[in-house]
């Protein structure tokens, strides 16, 4: 074979492979874009659900703490004057030297 014919065959095969690879990459990018959009919607739904569940859990805990049975099993403790002073005192901050 002549070198010119070999070069033409090489460039023809290279052109076909570049077009095929480009087509596959474009399809992958489109699928990835669709996937990212779906994930964005899913994350928004999860955030809203998490906020709702958090609010419901706080209300449930408050309802349980206010129930007479809970107060019977776990009576509220009175703080001594010493522990009340500690609660009101500002926290000490340690500084690195």
PDB file of N, CA and C in Angstrom:
ATOM      1  N   UNK A   1       0.819  -1.174   0.000  1.00  0.00           N
ATOM      2  CA  UNK A   1       0.000   0.000   0.000  1.00  0.00           C
ATOM      3  C   UNK A   1       0.863   1.237   0.000  1.00  0.00           C
ATOM      4  N   UNK A   2       0.333   2.194  -0.586  1.00  0.00           N
ATOM      5  CA  UNK A   2       0.998   3.488  -0.641  1.00  0.00           C
ATOM      6  C   UNK A   2       0.812   4.201   0.696  1.00  0.00           C
ATOM      7  N   UNK A   3       1.758   4.991   1.128  1.00  0.00           N
ATOM      8  CA  UNK A   3       1.675   5.692   2.419  1.00  0.00           C
ATOM      9  C   UNK A   3       0.535   6.693   2.437  1.00  0.00           C
ATOM     10  N   UNK A   4       0.203   7.262   1.280  1.00  0.00           N
ATOM     11  CA  UNK A   4      -0.902   8.220   1.215  1.00  0.00           C
ATOM     12  C   UNK A   4      -2.236   7.517   1.491  1.00  0.00           C
ATOM     13  N   UNK A   5      -2.395   6.324   0.961  1.00  0.00           N
ATOM     14  CA  UNK A   5      -3.622   5.552   1.208  1.00  0.00           C
ATOM     15  C   UNK A   5      -3.699   5.148   2.676  1.00  0.00           C
ATOM     16  N   UNK A   6      -2.570   4.762   3.253  1.00  0.00           N
ATOM     17  CA  UNK A   6      -2.553   4.397   4.673  1.00  0.00           C
ATOM     18  C   UNK A   6      -2.919   5.604   5.546  1.00  0.00           C
ATOM     19  N   UNK A   7      -2.424   6.769   5.187  1.00  0.00           N
ATOM     20  CA  UNK A   7      -2.733   7.983   5.948  1.00  0.00           C
ATOM     21  C   UNK A   7      -4.221   8.309   5.835  1.00  0.00           C
ATOM     22  N   UNK A   8      -4.792   8.150   4.642  1.00  0.00           N
ATOM     23  CA  UNK A   8      -6.233   8.408   4.466  1.00  0.00           C
ATOM     24  C   UNK A   8      -7.074   7.439   5.286  1.00  0.00           C
ATOM     25  N   UNK A   9      -6.693   6.172   5.307  1.00  0.00           N
ATOM     26  CA  UNK A   9      -7.421   5.177   6.109  1.00  0.00           C
ATOM     27  C   UNK A   9      -7.315   5.517   7.594  1.00  0.00           C
ATOM     28  N   UNK A  10      -6.114   5.900   8.041  1.00  0.00           N
ATOM     29  CA  UNK A  10      -5.911   6.274   9.439  1.00  0.00           C
ATOM     30  C   UNK A  10      -6.793   7.465   9.813  1.00  0.00           C
ATOM     31  N   UNK A  11      -6.817   8.513   9.010  1.00  0.00           N
ATOM     32  CA  UNK A  11      -7.619   9.688   9.313  1.00  0.00           C
ATOM     33  C   UNK A  11      -9.113   9.393   9.251  1.00  0.00           C
ATOM     34  N   UNK A  12      -9.539   8.498   8.366  1.00  0.00           N
ATOM     35  CA  UNK A  12     -10.944   8.112   8.281  1.00  0.00           C
ATOM     36  C   UNK A  12     -11.369   7.381   9.566  1.00  0.00           C
ATOM     37  N   UNK A  13     -10.555   6.425   9.994  1.00  0.00           N
ATOM     38  CA  UNK A  13     -10.857   5.678  11.214  1.00  0.00           C
ATOM     39  C   UNK A  13     -10.807   6.609  12.429  1.00  0.00           C
ATOM     40  N   UNK A  14      -9.852   7.508  12.470  1.00  0.00           N
ATOM     41  CA  UNK A  14      -9.742   8.470  13.577  1.00  0.00           C
ATOM     42  C   UNK A  14     -10.960   9.382  13.624  1.00  0.00           C
ATOM     43  N   UNK A  15     -11.421   9.833  12.465  1.00  0.00           N
ATOM     44  CA  UNK A  15     -12.591  10.708  12.411  1.00  0.00           C
ATOM     45  C   UNK A  15     -13.832   9.995  12.918  1.00  0.00           C
ATOM     46  N   UNK A  16     -14.020   8.761  12.500  1.00  0.00           N
ATOM     47  CA  UNK A  16     -15.179   7.983  12.944  1.00  0.00           C
ATOM     48  C   UNK A  16     -15.128   7.773  14.456  1.00  0.00           C
ATOM     49  N   UNK A  17     -13.949   7.449  15.004  1.00  0.00           N
ATOM     50  CA  UNK A  17     -13.831   7.207  16.448  1.00  0.00           C
ATOM     51  C   UNK A  17     -14.044   8.491  17.252  1.00  0.00           C
ATOM     52  N   UNK A  18     -13.549   9.631  16.741  1.00  0.00           N
ATOM     53  CA  UNK A  18     -13.752  10.906  17.437  1.00  0.00           C
ATOM     54  C   UNK A  18     -15.236  11.256  17.457  1.00  0.00           C
ATOM     55  N   UNK A  19     -15.928  11.033  16.365  1.00  0.00           N
ATOM     56  CA  UNK A  19     -17.365  11.311  16.315  1.00  0.00           C
ATOM     57  C   UNK A  19     -18.116  10.388  17.276  1.00  0.00           C
ATOM     58  N   UNK A  20     -17.764   9.114  17.317  1.00  0.00           N
ATOM     59  CA  UNK A  20     -18.429   8.164  18.210  1.00  0.00           C
ATOM     60  C   UNK A  20     -18.180   8.517  19.675  1.00  0.00           C
ATOM     61  N   UNK A  21     -16.941   8.824  20.008  1.00  0.00           N
ATOM     62  CA  UNK A  21     -16.611   9.182  21.393  1.00  0.00           C
ATOM     63  C   UNK A  21     -17.313  10.482  21.783  1.00  0.00           C
ATOM     64  N   UNK A  22     -17.350  11.452  20.886  1.00  0.00           N
ATOM     65  CA  UNK A  22     -18.039  12.718  21.166  1.00  0.00           C
ATOM     66  C   UNK A  22     -19.524  12.484  21.413  1.00  0.00           C
ATOM     67  N   UNK A  23     -20.141  11.623  20.627  1.00  0.00           N
ATOM     68  CA  UNK A  23     -21.552  11.305  20.791  1.00  0.00           C
ATOM     69  C   UNK A  23     -21.812  10.675  22.163  1.00  0.00           C
ATOM     70  N   UNK A  24     -20.951   9.752  22.563  1.00  0.00           N
ATOM     71  CA  UNK A  24     -21.100   9.094  23.865  1.00  0.00           C
ATOM     72  C   UNK A  24     -20.906  10.107  24.999  1.00  0.00           C
ATOM     73  N   UNK A  25     -19.931  10.991  24.861  1.00  0.00           N
ATOM     74  CA  UNK A  25     -19.681  12.004  25.897  1.00  0.00           C
ATOM     75  C   UNK A  25     -20.875  12.946  26.015  1.00  0.00           C
ATOM     76  N   UNK A  26     -21.448  13.351  24.889  1.00  0.00           N
ATOM     77  CA  UNK A  26     -22.615  14.232  24.921  1.00  0.00           C
ATOM     78  C   UNK A  26     -23.786  13.535  25.610  1.00  0.00           C
ATOM     79  N   UNK A  27     -24.015  12.257  25.309  1.00  0.00           N
ATOM     80  CA  UNK A  27     -25.080  11.515  25.982  1.00  0.00           C
ATOM     81  C   UNK A  27     -24.837  11.421  27.490  1.00  0.00           C
ATOM     82  N   UNK A  28     -23.600  11.176  27.876  1.00  0.00           N
ATOM     83  CA  UNK A  28     -23.274  11.086  29.302  1.00  0.00           C
ATOM     84  C   UNK A  28     -23.491  12.421  30.015  1.00  0.00           C
ATOM     85  N   UNK A  29     -23.124  13.514  29.361  1.00  0.00           N
ATOM     86  CA  UNK A  29     -23.305  14.841  29.957  1.00  0.00           C
ATOM     87  C   UNK A  29     -24.795  15.136  30.126  1.00  0.00           C
ATOM     88  N   UNK A  30     -25.607  14.791  29.136  1.00  0.00           N
ATOM     89  CA  UNK A  30     -27.045  15.022  29.241  1.00  0.00           C
ATOM     90  C   UNK A  30     -27.655  14.186  30.360  1.00  0.00           C
ATOM     91  N   UNK A  31     -27.256  12.925  30.474  1.00  0.00           N
ATOM     92  CA  UNK A  31     -27.758  12.069  31.552  1.00  0.00           C
ATOM     93  C   UNK A  31     -27.304  12.580  32.916  1.00  0.00           C
ATOM     94  N   UNK A  32     -26.059  13.043  32.988  1.00  0.00           N
ATOM     95  CA  UNK A  32     -25.531  13.582  34.240  1.00  0.00           C
ATOM     96  C   UNK A  32     -26.282  14.844  34.650  1.00  0.00           C
ATOM     97  N   UNK A  33     -26.610  15.678  33.686  1.00  0.00           N
ATOM     98  CA  UNK A  33     -27.355  16.904  33.963  1.00  0.00           C
ATOM     99  C   UNK A  33     -28.745  16.562  34.502  1.00  0.00           C
ATOM    100  N   UNK A  34     -29.393  15.575  33.904  1.00  0.00           N
ATOM    101  CA  UNK A  34     -30.700  15.136  34.369  1.00  0.00           C
ATOM    102  C   UNK A  34     -30.607  14.551  35.779  1.00  0.00           C
ATOM    103  N   UNK A  35     -29.554  13.784  36.038  1.00  0.00           N
ATOM    104  CA  UNK A  35     -29.341  13.198  37.356  1.00  0.00           C
ATOM    105  C   UNK A  35     -29.120  14.267  38.414  1.00  0.00           C
ATOM    106  N   UNK A  36     -28.329  15.278  38.087  1.00  0.00           N
ATOM    107  CA  UNK A  36     -28.066  16.357  39.046  1.00  0.00           C
ATOM    108  C   UNK A  36     -29.349  17.120  39.344  1.00  0.00           C
ATOM    109  N   UNK A  37     -30.170  17.350  38.333  1.00  0.00           N
ATOM    110  CA  UNK A  37     -31.455  18.011  38.561  1.00  0.00           C
ATOM    111  C   UNK A  37     -32.352  17.198  39.471  1.00  0.00           C
ATOM    112  N   UNK A  38     -32.391  15.891  39.256  1.00  0.00           N
ATOM    113  CA  UNK A  38     -33.200  15.021  40.112  1.00  0.00           C
ATOM    114  C   UNK A  38     -32.663  15.016  41.543  1.00  0.00           C
ATOM    115  N   UNK A  39     -31.348  14.992  41.699  1.00  0.00           N
ATOM    116  CA  UNK A  39     -30.754  15.035  43.034  1.00  0.00           C
ATOM    117  C   UNK A  39     -31.068  16.348  43.744  1.00  0.00           C
ATOM    118  N   UNK A  40     -31.087  17.442  42.985  1.00  0.00           N
ATOM    119  CA  UNK A  40     -31.401  18.749  43.559  1.00  0.00           C
ATOM    120  C   UNK A  40     -32.827  18.748  44.115  1.00  0.00           C
ATOM    121  N   UNK A  41     -33.767  18.204  43.355  1.00  0.00           N
ATOM    122  CA  UNK A  41     -35.154  18.120  43.809  1.00  0.00           C
ATOM    123  C   UNK A  41     -35.252  17.217  45.034  1.00  0.00           C
ATOM    124  N   UNK A  42     -34.550  16.107  45.011  1.00  0.00           N
ATOM    125  CA  UNK A  42     -34.574  15.170  46.127  1.00  0.00           C
ATOM    126  C   UNK A  42     -33.998  15.795  47.401  1.00  0.00           C
ATOM    127  N   UNK A  43     -32.913  16.526  47.266  1.00  0.00           N
ATOM    128  CA  UNK A  43     -32.297  17.175  48.429  1.00  0.00           C
ATOM    129  C   UNK A  43     -33.236  18.234  49.002  1.00  0.00           C
ATOM    130  N   UNK A  44     -33.922  18.989  48.144  1.00  0.00           N
ATOM    131  CA  UNK A  44     -34.887  19.971  48.636  1.00  0.00           C
ATOM    132  C   UNK A  44     -36.016  19.298  49.412  1.00  0.00           C
ATOM    133  N   UNK A  45     -36.520  18.182  48.886  1.00  0.00           N
ATOM    134  CA  UNK A  45     -37.572  17.450  49.586  1.00  0.00           C
ATOM    135  C   UNK A  45     -37.075  16.928  50.923  1.00  0.00           C
ATOM    136  N   UNK A  46     -35.838  16.433  50.958  1.00  0.00           N
ATOM    137  CA  UNK A  46     -35.277  15.923  52.212  1.00  0.00           C
ATOM    138  C   UNK A  46     -35.101  17.032  53.242  1.00  0.00           C
ATOM    139  N   UNK A  47     -34.691  18.218  52.781  1.00  0.00           N
ATOM    140  CA  UNK A  47     -34.547  19.342  53.708  1.00  0.00           C
ATOM    141  C   UNK A  47     -35.895  19.710  54.313  1.00  0.00           C
ATOM    142  N   UNK A  48     -36.910  19.797  53.475  1.00  0.00           N
ATOM    143  CA  UNK A  48     -38.243  20.136  53.976  1.00  0.00           C
ATOM    144  C   UNK A  48     -38.762  19.063  54.925  1.00  0.00           C
ATOM    145  N   UNK A  49     -38.543  17.818  54.581  1.00  0.00           N
ATOM    146  CA  UNK A  49     -38.983  16.722  55.439  1.00  0.00           C
ATOM    147  C   UNK A  49     -38.209  16.728  56.753  1.00  0.00           C
ATOM    148  N   UNK A  50     -36.918  16.995  56.683  1.00  0.00           N
ATOM    149  CA  UNK A  50     -36.102  17.057  57.900  1.00  0.00           C
ATOM    150  C   UNK A  50     -36.557  18.164  58.826  1.00  0.00           C
ATOM    151  N   UNK A  51     -36.870  19.323  58.263  1.00  0.00           N
ATOM    152  CA  UNK A  51     -37.374  20.427  59.088  1.00  0.00           C
ATOM    153  C   UNK A  51     -38.690  20.053  59.742  1.00  0.00           C
ATOM    154  N   UNK A  52     -39.572  19.426  58.964  1.00  0.00           N
ATOM    155  CA  UNK A  52     -40.880  19.026  59.487  1.00  0.00           C
ATOM    156  C   UNK A  52     -40.722  17.992  60.601  1.00  0.00           C
ATOM    157  N   UNK A  53     -39.876  16.995  60.374  1.00  0.00           N
ATOM    158  CA  UNK A  53     -39.665  15.948  61.372  1.00  0.00           C
ATOM    159  C   UNK A  53     -39.036  16.539  62.631  1.00  0.00           C
ATOM    160  N   UNK A  54     -38.120  17.465  62.456  1.00  0.00           N
ATOM    161  CA  UNK A  54     -37.480  18.102  63.607  1.00  0.00           C
ATOM    162  C   UNK A  54     -38.513  18.858  64.443  1.00  0.00           C
ATOM    163  N   UNK A  55     -39.374  19.619  63.788  1.00  0.00           N
ATOM    164  CA  UNK A  55     -40.416  20.351  64.517  1.00  0.00           C
ATOM    165  C   UNK A  55     -41.373  19.395  65.216  1.00  0.00           C
ATOM    166  N   UNK A  56     -41.759  18.338  64.522  1.00  0.00           N
ATOM    167  CA  UNK A  56     -42.666  17.356  65.117  1.00  0.00           C
ATOM    168  C   UNK A  56     -42.015  16.660  66.306  1.00  0.00           C
ATOM    169  N   UNK A  57     -40.726  16.343  66.197  1.00  0.00           N
ATOM    170  CA  UNK A  57     -40.024  15.681  67.297  1.00  0.00           C
ATOM    171  C   UNK A  57     -39.943  16.596  68.517  1.00  0.00           C
ATOM    172  N   UNK A  58     -39.685  17.883  68.287  1.00  0.00           N
ATOM    173  CA  UNK A  58     -39.646  18.827  69.412  1.00  0.00           C
ATOM    174  C   UNK A  58     -41.003  18.906  70.100  1.00  0.00           C
ATOM    175  N   UNK A  59     -42.069  18.974  69.318  1.00  0.00           N
ATOM    176  CA  UNK A  59     -43.408  19.015  69.895  1.00  0.00           C
ATOM    177  C   UNK A  59     -43.707  17.730  70.659  1.00  0.00           C
ATOM    178  N   UNK A  60     -43.304  16.595  70.114  1.00  0.00           N
ATOM    179  CA  UNK A  60     -43.533  15.309  70.769  1.00  0.00           C
ATOM    180  C   UNK A  60     -42.797  15.231  72.099  1.00  0.00           C
ATOM    181  N   UNK A  61     -41.556  15.691  72.125  1.00  0.00           N
ATOM    182  CA  UNK A  61     -40.781  15.685  73.372  1.00  0.00           C
ATOM    183  C   UNK A  61     -41.439  16.592  74.408  1.00  0.00           C
ATOM    184  N   UNK A  62     -41.893  17.761  73.982  1.00  0.00           N
ATOM    185  CA  UNK A  62     -42.562  18.666  74.916  1.00  0.00           C
ATOM    186  C   UNK A  62     -43.852  18.045  75.449  1.00  0.00           C
ATOM    187  N   UNK A  63     -44.611  17.395  74.574  1.00  0.00           N
ATOM    188  CA  UNK A  63     -45.848  16.734  75.021  1.00  0.00           C
ATOM    189  C   UNK A  63     -45.548  15.630  76.025  1.00  0.00           C
ATOM    190  N   UNK A  64     -44.503  14.861  75.767  1.00  0.00           N
ATOM    191  CA  UNK A  64     -44.135  13.787  76.687  1.00  0.00           C
ATOM    192  C   UNK A  64     -43.687  14.358  78.022  1.00  0.00           C
ATOM    193  N   UNK A  65     -42.885  15.425  77.985  1.00  0.00           N
ATOM    194  CA  UNK A  65     -42.404  16.021  79.241  1.00  0.00           C
ATOM    195  C   UNK A  65     -43.544  16.611  80.059  1.00  0.00           C
ATOM    196  N   UNK A  66     -44.599  17.069  79.405  1.00  0.00           N
ATOM    197  CA  UNK A  66     -45.721  17.673  80.122  1.00  0.00           C
ATOM    198  C   UNK A  66     -46.759  16.641  80.569  1.00  0.00           C
ATOM    199  N   UNK A  67     -46.607  15.409  80.140  1.00  0.00           N
ATOM    200  CA  UNK A  67     -47.596  14.399  80.509  1.00  0.00           C
ATOM    201  C   UNK A  67     -47.464  14.047  81.991  1.00  0.00           C
ATOM    202  N   UNK A  68     -48.582  13.742  82.635  1.00  0.00           N
ATOM    203  CA  UNK A  68     -48.539  13.428  84.075  1.00  0.00           C
ATOM    204  C   UNK A  68     -47.765  12.146  84.380  1.00  0.00           C
ATOM    205  N   UNK A  69     -47.835  11.190  83.492  1.00  0.00           N
ATOM    206  CA  UNK A  69     -47.125   9.928  83.730  1.00  0.00           C
ATOM    207  C   UNK A  69     -45.617  10.159  83.726  1.00  0.00           C
ATOM    208  N   UNK A  70     -45.128  10.979  82.785  1.00  0.00           N
ATOM    209  CA  UNK A  70     -43.701  11.278  82.737  1.00  0.00           C
ATOM    210  C   UNK A  70     -43.273  12.010  83.999  1.00  0.00           C
ATOM    211  N   UNK A  71     -44.087  12.982  84.438  1.00  0.00           N
ATOM    212  CA  UNK A  71     -43.740  13.731  85.649  1.00  0.00           C
ATOM    213  C   UNK A  71     -43.797  12.846  86.891  1.00  0.00           C
ATOM    214  N   UNK A  72     -44.649  11.813  86.862  1.00  0.00           N
ATOM    215  CA  UNK A  72     -44.710  10.885  87.982  1.00  0.00           C
ATOM    216  C   UNK A  72     -43.454  10.020  88.033  1.00  0.00           C
ATOM    217  N   UNK A  73     -43.004   9.560  86.856  1.00  0.00           N
ATOM    218  CA  UNK A  73     -41.817   8.706  86.808  1.00  0.00           C
ATOM    219  C   UNK A  73     -40.545   9.516  87.005  1.00  0.00           C
ATOM    220  N   UNK A  74     -40.471  10.672  86.387  1.00  0.00           N
ATOM    221  CA  UNK A  74     -39.287  11.538  86.464  1.00  0.00           C
ATOM    222  C   UNK A  74     -39.679  12.889  87.055  1.00  0.00           C
ATOM    223  N   UNK A  75     -39.724  12.996  88.356  1.00  0.00           N
ATOM    224  CA  UNK A  75     -40.090  14.297  88.954  1.00  0.00           C
ATOM    225  C   UNK A  75     -38.984  15.327  88.706  1.00  0.00           C
ATOM    226  N   UNK A  76     -39.404  16.560  88.633  1.00  0.00           N
ATOM    227  CA  UNK A  76     -38.425  17.639  88.433  1.00  0.00           C
ATOM    228  C   UNK A  76     -37.617  17.829  89.704  1.00  0.00           C
ATOM    229  N   UNK A  77     -36.326  18.021  89.498  1.00  0.00           N
ATOM    230  CA  UNK A  77     -35.430  18.197  90.638  1.00  0.00           C
ATOM    231  C   UNK A  77     -35.254  19.679  90.904  1.00  0.00           C
ATOM    232  N   UNK A  78     -35.177  19.998  92.158  1.00  0.00           N
ATOM    233  CA  UNK A  78     -34.914  21.387  92.528  1.00  0.00           C
ATOM    234  C   UNK A  78     -33.409  21.579  92.585  1.00  0.00           C
ATOM    235  N   UNK A  79     -32.960  22.688  92.014  1.00  0.00           N
ATOM    236  CA  UNK A  79     -31.529  22.990  92.043  1.00  0.00           C
ATOM    237  C   UNK A  79     -31.159  23.632  93.365  1.00  0.00           C
ATOM    238  N   UNK A  80     -29.979  23.298  93.837  1.00  0.00           N
ATOM    239  CA  UNK A  80     -29.490  23.956  95.044  1.00  0.00           C
ATOM    240  C   UNK A  80     -29.001  25.346  94.663  1.00  0.00           C
ATOM    241  N   UNK A  81     -28.821  26.188  95.659  1.00  0.00           N
ATOM    242  CA  UNK A  81     -28.399  27.565  95.376  1.00  0.00           C
ATOM    243  C   UNK A  81     -27.003  27.585  94.767  1.00  0.00           C
ATOM    244  N   UNK A  82     -26.173  26.600  95.120  1.00  0.00           N
ATOM    245  CA  UNK A  82     -24.817  26.542  94.571  1.00  0.00           C
ATOM    246  C   UNK A  82     -24.842  26.241  93.071  1.00  0.00           C
ATOM    247  N   UNK A  83     -25.643  25.277  92.662  1.00  0.00           N
ATOM    248  CA  UNK A  83     -25.697  24.937  91.235  1.00  0.00           C
ATOM    249  C   UNK A  83     -26.387  26.041  90.442  1.00  0.00           C
ATOM    250  N   UNK A  84     -27.294  26.792  91.072  1.00  0.00           N
ATOM    251  CA  UNK A  84     -27.943  27.904  90.381  1.00  0.00           C
ATOM    252  C   UNK A  84     -26.941  29.020  90.124  1.00  0.00           C
ATOM    253  N   UNK A  85     -26.034  29.237  91.058  1.00  0.00           N
ATOM    254  CA  UNK A  85     -25.001  30.258  90.851  1.00  0.00           C
ATOM    255  C   UNK A  85     -24.067  29.859  89.717  1.00  0.00           C
ATOM    256  N   UNK A  86     -23.748  28.568  89.639  1.00  0.00           N
ATOM    257  CA  UNK A  86     -22.888  28.098  88.552  1.00  0.00           C
ATOM    258  C   UNK A  86     -23.576  28.238  87.202  1.00  0.00           C
ATOM    259  N   UNK A  87     -24.880  28.041  87.180  1.00  0.00           N
ATOM    260  CA  UNK A  87     -25.619  28.152  85.923  1.00  0.00           C
ATOM    261  C   UNK A  87     -25.643  29.600  85.440  1.00  0.00           C
ATOM    262  N   UNK A  88     -25.685  30.540  86.372  1.00  0.00           N
ATOM    263  CA  UNK A  88     -25.723  31.949  85.996  1.00  0.00           C
ATOM    264  C   UNK A  88     -24.338  32.528  85.718  1.00  0.00           C
ATOM    265  N   UNK A  89     -23.294  31.895  86.245  1.00  0.00           N
ATOM    266  CA  UNK A  89     -21.936  32.412  86.063  1.00  0.00           C
ATOM    267  C   UNK A  89     -21.498  32.222  84.613  1.00  0.00           C
ATOM    268  N   UNK A  90     -20.777  33.205  84.062  1.00  0.00           N
ATOM    269  CA  UNK A  90     -20.305  33.054  82.696  1.00  0.00           C
ATOM    270  C   UNK A  90     -19.229  31.969  82.606  1.00  0.00           C
ATOM    271  N   UNK A  91     -19.187  31.315  81.485  1.00  0.00           N
ATOM    272  CA  UNK A  91     -18.201  30.251  81.295  1.00  0.00           C
ATOM    273  C   UNK A  91     -16.809  30.841  81.196  1.00  0.00           C
ATOM    274  N   UNK A  92     -15.862  30.139  81.785  1.00  0.00           N
ATOM    275  CA  UNK A  92     -14.476  30.584  81.697  1.00  0.00           C
ATOM    276  C   UNK A  92     -13.918  30.198  80.347  1.00  0.00           C
ATOM    277  N   UNK A  93     -13.201  31.108  79.755  1.00  0.00           N
ATOM    278  CA  UNK A  93     -12.613  30.859  78.441  1.00  0.00           C
ATOM    279  C   UNK A  93     -11.129  30.625  78.629  1.00  0.00           C
ATOM    280  N   UNK A  94     -10.679  29.502  78.117  1.00  0.00           N
ATOM    281  CA  UNK A  94      -9.245  29.217  78.190  1.00  0.00           C
ATOM    282  C   UNK A  94      -8.576  29.776  76.961  1.00  0.00           C
ATOM    283  N   UNK A  95      -7.497  30.419  77.173  1.00  0.00           N
ATOM    284  CA  UNK A  95      -6.731  30.977  76.065  1.00  0.00           C
ATOM    285  C   UNK A  95      -5.450  30.192  75.897  1.00  0.00           C
ATOM    286  N   UNK A  96      -5.089  29.941  74.666  1.00  0.00           N
ATOM    287  CA  UNK A  96      -3.824  29.257  74.398  1.00  0.00           C
ATOM    288  C   UNK A  96      -2.698  30.243  74.555  1.00  0.00           C
ATOM    289  N   UNK A  97      -1.648  29.785  75.217  1.00  0.00           N
ATOM    290  CA  UNK A  97      -0.485  30.655  75.439  1.00  0.00           C
ATOM    291  C   UNK A  97       0.635  30.251  74.539  1.00  0.00           C
TER     292      UNK A  97
END
